[in-house]
Amino acid sequence: MHHHITTEQIDYLPGHPGAVQQMLDVYNSRLEALIRAYPEQWIWQHRRWRRRPEIDYKHQPQLLRSTSQYLDWLHAKTQQRYSVLA
């Protein structure tokens, strides 16, 4: 088994009010690009990504999406996002 590790520097201005948001935006866009390039290496079933902070899942467990429901929703959102950009 082989592993390939890629690192890239994120340039920012220390002390700038928008530095943290800029770094997060760059990090997230790079992570998204990697996930799109190698989706088979991403753990899509991680329940954390299916939860919404405003819902109490302990009292409403039926609102937690199943893996297939979540993947369908994610696919629809992705298609919607990229159809707007086209």
Protein backbone atom coordinates (compact mmCIF):
# COMPACT_ATOMS: atom_id res chain seq x y z
CA MET A 1 0.00 0.00 0.00
CA HIS A 2 1.27 3.45 -0.89
CA HIS A 3 0.23 6.83 0.43
CA HIS A 4 0.73 10.17 -1.22
CA ILE A 5 0.70 13.28 0.95
CA THR A 6 0.32 16.68 -0.64
CA THR A 7 0.87 19.94 1.20
CA GLU A 8 0.28 23.44 -0.03
CA GLN A 9 0.95 26.71 1.70
CA ILE A 10 -1.95 29.08 2.34
CA ASP A 11 -0.77 32.66 2.17
CA TYR A 12 -2.42 35.16 4.51
CA LEU A 13 -1.75 38.44 6.25
CA PRO A 14 -1.32 37.89 10.01
CA GLY A 15 -3.50 40.24 12.01
CA HIS A 16 -5.76 41.06 9.05
CA PRO A 17 -9.43 40.92 10.14
CA GLY A 18 -10.37 38.60 7.28
CA ALA A 19 -7.32 36.31 7.51
CA VAL A 20 -9.07 33.44 9.28
CA GLN A 21 -12.01 33.44 6.87
CA GLN A 22 -9.63 33.63 3.90
CA MET A 23 -7.64 30.64 5.15
CA LEU A 24 -10.82 28.64 5.77
CA ASP A 25 -12.15 29.47 2.31
CA VAL A 26 -8.91 28.41 0.62
CA TYR A 27 -8.65 25.25 2.74
CA ASN A 28 -12.26 24.26 2.03
CA SER A 29 -11.96 24.86 -1.71
CA ARG A 30 -8.78 22.75 -1.85
CA LEU A 31 -10.38 20.01 0.22
CA GLU A 32 -13.44 20.05 -2.06
CA ALA A 33 -11.18 19.71 -5.11
CA LEU A 34 -9.47 16.68 -3.57
CA ILE A 35 -12.79 15.06 -2.67
CA ARG A 36 -14.07 15.61 -6.20
CA ALA A 37 -10.87 14.15 -7.66
CA TYR A 38 -10.85 11.09 -5.34
CA PRO A 39 -14.41 10.61 -4.00
CA GLU A 40 -13.77 6.94 -3.25
CA GLN A 41 -11.32 8.00 -0.53
CA TRP A 42 -13.81 10.20 1.31
CA ILE A 43 -15.93 8.77 4.13
CA TRP A 44 -19.33 10.05 2.98
CA GLN A 45 -21.30 8.11 5.56
CA HIS A 46 -19.92 10.16 8.45
CA ARG A 47 -23.07 11.18 10.37
CA ARG A 48 -21.64 14.55 11.37
CA TRP A 49 -22.26 15.87 7.87
CA ARG A 50 -25.92 14.86 7.99
CA ARG A 51 -26.78 16.81 11.12
CA ARG A 52 -28.20 20.30 11.27
CA PRO A 53 -27.49 22.31 14.44
CA GLU A 54 -31.07 23.52 14.87
CA ILE A 55 -32.56 20.01 15.20
CA ASP A 56 -32.66 17.96 18.40
CA TYR A 57 -32.07 14.47 17.00
CA LYS A 58 -32.42 12.81 20.40
CA HIS A 59 -36.07 13.84 20.48
CA GLN A 60 -36.61 13.59 16.70
CA PRO A 61 -34.38 10.76 15.46
CA GLN A 62 -36.56 10.26 12.37
CA LEU A 63 -35.19 13.56 11.01
CA LEU A 64 -31.65 12.18 10.71
CA ARG A 65 -31.14 11.25 7.08
CA SER A 66 -30.03 7.76 6.13
CA THR A 67 -26.84 7.40 4.12
CA SER A 68 -28.75 6.99 0.84
CA GLN A 69 -31.02 9.97 1.63
CA TYR A 70 -27.98 12.07 2.46
CA LEU A 71 -26.16 11.07 -0.74
CA ASP A 72 -29.25 11.87 -2.82
CA TRP A 73 -29.53 15.26 -1.11
CA LEU A 74 -25.81 15.93 -1.58
CA HIS A 75 -26.01 15.00 -5.28
CA ALA A 76 -29.01 17.31 -5.79
CA LYS A 77 -27.24 20.19 -4.02
CA THR A 78 -24.10 19.65 -6.10
CA GLN A 79 -26.10 19.60 -9.35
CA GLN A 80 -28.00 22.73 -8.28
CA ARG A 81 -24.78 24.55 -7.36
CA TYR A 82 -23.04 23.79 -10.64
CA SER A 83 -26.08 24.44 -12.83
CA VAL A 84 -26.12 27.99 -11.42
CA LEU A 85 -22.43 28.43 -12.32
CA ALA A 86 -22.85 27.12 -15.87
